[in-house]
Amino acid sequence: MSAIFSFAYPDCIQVLTDGAWVSETGELMRVKTKSFASSRHPIAFTGRGTSSVQVMNIIDELLAFAESEKCAGVDAALGFAEAYFERMAKGGPFNGEIVIAAYSETKGTVHFVVACHDHYGLAAPFRLENPAAQILLGPTISLDDFPPGAFSPEDVASSNFPARHGAMIMEALRRKPARIIGWEREFFAVGGLCDLTTVNAAGADVRPLCGWADEVGKTIDPNAPRIYEGFTYAK
């Protein structure tokens, strides 16, 4: 289970992602970024699924096109993604979701979720869907999971909200056990680190906000302390 929380604002898309790669029995295998930004165009990709290899193969292909000379811009990259998933649908569903954050030449800030299945009723399978101003893939959280007065509606409406409160949001997500599709039991599977991906007219960037003292080879302790220096961060 990964946590992906994308926020759409008029001037940017902000995406929070964790960095825990876990086994089917809940052990932390490694801590590594799950969000990947193009260096040529304002677009970034992240995802999650029961097969991390399959998810990464998809992201690698989408990113490779965005980085290539064939890609004239973000709209071209989105068109490539639409055609890519149309072809992929012919192979049948699998347990994975991809999130795309972009600054389109024609539409401005956009974010999409592509569900490669129909388990959640998230979206039509293998279609780029833009469901709302926020996209949350991960454990369910509510205002009850935060201290009273932790933030206001005005805070949430500000595009710096994920940067200011992202660590706290990911902390709430990591404290919720969840069941991964195709796996038999619930466990804590959000952790390692919290990345913030920012996509705006100027480009796309991924940076870490914080980490946690999660130990590779062990199950995630949701109460492990948050750390801001010296945590493992592998590109």
Protein backbone atom coordinates (compact mmCIF):
# COMPACT_ATOMS: atom_id res chain seq x y z
CA MET A 1 0.00 0.00 0.00
CA SER A 2 1.37 3.36 -1.02
CA ALA A 3 -0.11 6.72 -0.18
CA ILE A 4 -0.58 9.24 -2.97
CA PHE A 5 -2.38 12.51 -2.23
CA SER A 6 -2.61 14.99 -5.11
CA PHE A 7 -3.90 18.55 -4.76
CA ALA A 8 -4.88 20.66 -7.78
CA TYR A 9 -4.53 24.45 -7.50
CA PRO A 10 -4.88 27.12 -10.19
CA ASP A 11 -1.12 27.69 -10.28
CA CYS A 12 0.26 24.21 -9.53
CA ILE A 13 -0.30 20.57 -8.75
CA GLN A 14 1.15 19.34 -5.44
CA VAL A 15 1.50 15.60 -4.83
CA LEU A 16 2.44 13.89 -1.57
CA THR A 17 3.88 10.36 -1.81
CA ASP A 18 5.43 8.01 0.69
CA GLY A 19 8.56 5.94 0.13
CA ALA A 20 7.85 2.52 1.65
CA TRP A 21 8.27 -0.51 -0.60
CA VAL A 22 6.85 -3.46 1.32
CA SER A 23 6.58 -7.22 0.86
CA GLU A 24 3.34 -9.23 0.80
CA THR A 25 3.89 -10.01 4.48
CA GLY A 26 4.31 -6.35 5.42
CA GLU A 27 8.09 -6.11 5.83
CA LEU A 28 9.77 -2.95 4.58
CA MET A 29 12.03 -3.93 1.67
CA ARG A 30 13.48 -0.52 0.84
CA VAL A 31 12.89 3.21 1.10
CA LYS A 32 12.84 4.97 -2.24
CA THR A 33 11.04 7.77 -4.03
CA LYS A 34 7.90 6.80 -5.93
CA SER A 35 7.45 10.05 -7.86
CA PHE A 36 9.34 10.89 -11.04
CA ALA A 37 9.42 14.27 -12.79
CA SER A 38 10.37 15.11 -16.35
CA SER A 39 13.37 17.38 -16.74
CA ARG A 40 12.06 18.70 -20.09
CA HIS A 41 8.38 19.38 -19.46
CA PRO A 42 6.12 20.17 -16.47
CA ILE A 43 4.80 16.66 -15.91
CA ALA A 44 5.39 13.99 -13.26
CA PHE A 45 4.29 10.40 -12.69
CA THR A 46 3.73 8.22 -9.66
CA GLY A 47 1.82 5.04 -8.93
CA ARG A 48 1.20 2.04 -6.77
CA GLY A 49 0.20 -1.60 -7.14
CA THR A 50 0.69 -5.15 -5.96
CA SER A 51 3.46 -5.49 -8.54
CA SER A 52 5.93 -2.64 -8.05
CA VAL A 53 7.85 -3.91 -11.09
CA GLN A 54 4.82 -3.55 -13.35
CA VAL A 55 4.01 -0.10 -11.98
CA MET A 56 7.60 1.06 -12.46
CA ASN A 57 7.67 -0.29 -16.01
CA ILE A 58 4.64 1.86 -16.82
CA ILE A 59 6.15 4.95 -15.22
CA ASP A 60 9.47 4.35 -16.99
CA GLU A 61 7.77 4.23 -20.39
CA LEU A 62 5.64 7.32 -19.78
CA LEU A 63 8.64 9.26 -18.46
CA ALA A 64 10.91 8.07 -21.28
CA PHE A 65 8.52 9.54 -23.86
CA ALA A 66 8.21 12.81 -21.94
CA GLU A 67 12.02 13.04 -21.88
CA SER A 68 12.43 12.19 -25.56
CA GLU A 69 12.85 14.50 -28.53
CA LYS A 70 9.59 13.09 -29.90
CA CYS A 71 7.65 14.81 -27.12
CA ALA A 72 6.74 18.36 -28.14
CA GLY A 73 5.18 19.22 -24.78
CA VAL A 74 2.83 18.18 -22.00
CA ASP A 75 -0.21 17.75 -24.23
CA ALA A 76 1.82 15.39 -26.41
CA ALA A 77 2.88 13.44 -23.30
CA LEU A 78 -0.75 13.17 -22.18
CA GLY A 79 -1.80 12.01 -25.63
CA PHE A 80 0.92 9.37 -25.52
CA ALA A 81 -0.33 8.24 -22.11
CA GLU A 82 -3.92 7.93 -23.35
CA ALA A 83 -2.82 5.77 -26.29
CA TYR A 84 -0.48 3.76 -24.06
CA PHE A 85 -3.25 2.81 -21.63
CA GLU A 86 -5.67 2.04 -24.48
CA ARG A 87 -3.16 -0.53 -25.75
CA MET A 88 -2.53 -1.79 -22.24
CA ALA A 89 -6.24 -2.41 -21.65
CA LYS A 90 -6.17 -5.17 -24.25
CA GLY A 91 -3.99 -7.21 -21.91
CA GLY A 92 -6.59 -7.16 -19.15
CA PRO A 93 -6.70 -5.57 -15.69
CA PHE A 94 -4.06 -5.66 -12.99
CA ASN A 95 -3.93 -4.25 -9.48
CA GLY A 96 -2.32 -0.89 -10.07
CA GLU A 97 -3.00 2.84 -10.31
CA ILE A 98 -1.00 5.64 -11.91
CA VAL A 99 -1.28 9.33 -11.07
CA ILE A 100 -0.15 11.99 -13.55
CA ALA A 101 0.40 15.62 -12.52
CA ALA A 102 0.94 18.14 -15.29
CA TYR A 103 0.80 21.72 -16.48
CA SER A 104 -0.90 21.47 -19.86
CA GLU A 105 -0.27 24.00 -22.62
CA THR A 106 -4.01 24.16 -23.28
CA LYS A 107 -5.64 23.39 -19.91
CA GLY A 108 -3.18 24.61 -17.29
CA THR A 109 -2.92 22.56 -14.11
CA VAL A 110 -4.34 19.05 -14.43
CA HIS A 111 -4.00 15.79 -12.57
CA PHE A 112 -5.26 12.37 -13.54
CA VAL A 113 -5.67 8.94 -12.00
CA VAL A 114 -5.52 5.85 -14.19
CA ALA A 115 -6.98 2.75 -12.53
CA CYS A 116 -5.84 -0.44 -14.23
CA HIS A 117 -8.80 -2.27 -12.63
CA ASP A 118 -12.34 -1.55 -11.47
CA HIS A 119 -12.08 -2.61 -7.81
CA TYR A 120 -12.73 0.78 -6.21
CA GLY A 121 -15.03 2.41 -8.72
CA LEU A 122 -12.35 5.10 -8.93
CA ALA A 123 -12.57 5.62 -12.64
CA ALA A 124 -13.14 3.80 -15.90
CA PRO A 125 -10.29 1.28 -16.21
CA PHE A 126 -7.29 2.43 -18.26
CA ARG A 127 -8.74 5.91 -18.78
CA LEU A 128 -7.16 9.20 -17.71
CA GLU A 129 -9.73 10.51 -15.24
CA ASN A 130 -9.67 13.92 -13.53
CA PRO A 131 -12.14 13.25 -10.69
CA ALA A 132 -11.77 16.21 -8.33
CA ALA A 133 -9.50 18.89 -6.93
CA GLN A 134 -7.95 16.18 -4.74
CA ILE A 135 -6.96 12.60 -5.49
CA LEU A 136 -6.26 10.30 -2.53
CA LEU A 137 -5.01 6.76 -3.04
CA GLY A 138 -4.30 5.13 0.28
CA PRO A 139 -5.89 4.67 3.69
CA THR A 140 -8.97 6.76 4.40
CA ILE A 141 -8.41 9.73 6.70
CA SER A 142 -10.64 12.53 7.98
CA LEU A 143 -10.36 15.69 10.06
CA ASP A 144 -10.74 13.49 13.14
CA ASP A 145 -7.23 12.15 12.48
CA PHE A 146 -5.66 15.57 13.12
CA PRO A 147 -5.37 17.71 16.25
CA PRO A 148 -8.20 20.24 16.66
CA GLY A 149 -7.40 23.40 14.74
CA ALA A 150 -4.44 21.81 12.94
CA PHE A 151 -5.44 23.66 9.78
CA SER A 152 -8.35 25.66 8.43
CA PRO A 153 -10.31 25.57 5.14
CA GLU A 154 -8.31 28.65 4.15
CA ASP A 155 -5.09 26.70 4.74
CA VAL A 156 -6.27 23.87 2.49
CA ALA A 157 -7.18 26.35 -0.25
CA SER A 158 -3.62 27.70 -0.33
CA SER A 159 -1.19 26.05 -2.73
CA ASN A 160 1.48 25.92 -0.03
CA PHE A 161 -0.76 23.70 2.13
CA PRO A 162 0.91 20.40 1.10
CA ALA A 163 4.38 21.83 1.73
CA ARG A 164 3.40 23.20 5.15
CA HIS A 165 1.31 20.27 6.34
CA GLY A 166 2.39 17.37 4.13
CA ALA A 167 4.44 15.64 6.82
CA MET A 168 1.47 15.71 9.21
CA ILE A 169 -0.87 14.42 6.50
CA MET A 170 1.43 11.52 5.66
CA GLU A 171 1.79 10.83 9.39
CA ALA A 172 -1.99 10.37 9.60
CA LEU A 173 -1.96 8.06 6.59
CA ARG A 174 0.86 5.90 7.96
CA ARG A 175 -1.06 5.32 11.19
CA LYS A 176 -3.89 3.61 9.31
CA PRO A 177 -3.62 -0.09 8.45
CA ALA A 178 -5.02 -1.06 5.08
CA ARG A 179 -5.60 -4.10 2.93
CA ILE A 180 -3.86 -4.24 -0.42
CA ILE A 181 -5.83 -5.74 -3.31
CA GLY A 182 -4.83 -9.36 -3.80
CA TRP A 183 -3.12 -9.62 -0.41
CA GLU A 184 -4.72 -11.44 2.48
CA ARG A 185 -4.40 -9.18 5.48
CA GLU A 186 -4.19 -5.59 6.62
CA PHE A 187 -0.92 -4.06 7.74
CA PHE A 188 0.84 -0.71 8.03
CA ALA A 189 2.45 -0.02 4.68
CA VAL A 190 2.88 3.77 4.42
CA GLY A 191 6.20 5.20 5.50
CA GLY A 192 9.90 5.57 4.83
CA LEU A 193 9.70 9.15 3.66
CA CYS A 194 7.31 11.83 2.47
CA ASP A 195 8.03 13.41 -0.91
CA LEU A 196 6.42 16.54 -2.31
CA THR A 197 6.13 16.78 -6.08
CA THR A 198 5.40 20.26 -7.43
CA VAL A 199 4.32 20.81 -11.03
CA ASN A 200 3.75 24.33 -12.38
CA ALA A 201 4.35 26.35 -15.52
CA ALA A 202 8.08 26.47 -14.78
CA GLY A 203 8.56 22.70 -14.55
CA ALA A 204 8.33 19.71 -12.23
CA ASP A 205 10.31 18.93 -9.10
CA VAL A 206 10.41 16.21 -6.44
CA ARG A 207 11.83 16.89 -2.98
CA PRO A 208 11.65 15.12 0.39
CA LEU A 209 9.74 16.75 3.24
CA CYS A 210 10.69 14.27 5.97
CA GLY A 211 11.38 10.65 6.79
CA TRP A 212 10.62 8.15 9.54
CA ALA A 213 12.79 5.79 11.54
CA ASP A 214 11.41 2.74 9.72
CA GLU A 215 13.75 -0.25 9.61
CA VAL A 216 14.28 -2.25 6.42
CA GLY A 217 13.50 -5.91 7.01
CA LYS A 218 10.90 -5.19 9.68
CA THR A 219 7.22 -4.27 9.64
CA ILE A 220 6.42 -0.56 9.81
CA ASP A 221 5.87 0.85 13.28
CA PRO A 222 3.27 3.61 12.77
CA ASN A 223 4.56 5.37 15.88
CA ALA A 224 8.20 5.51 14.76
CA PRO A 225 9.57 9.05 15.16
CA ARG A 226 9.56 11.52 12.32
CA ILE A 227 13.03 12.66 11.24
CA TYR A 228 14.26 15.50 9.05
CA GLU A 229 17.95 14.68 8.65
CA GLY A 230 19.93 11.56 7.90
CA PHE A 231 17.07 9.46 6.55
CA THR A 232 17.58 7.16 3.58
CA TYR A 233 16.58 8.80 0.31
CA ALA A 234 17.35 6.90 -2.88
CA LYS A 235 16.50 8.26 -6.31
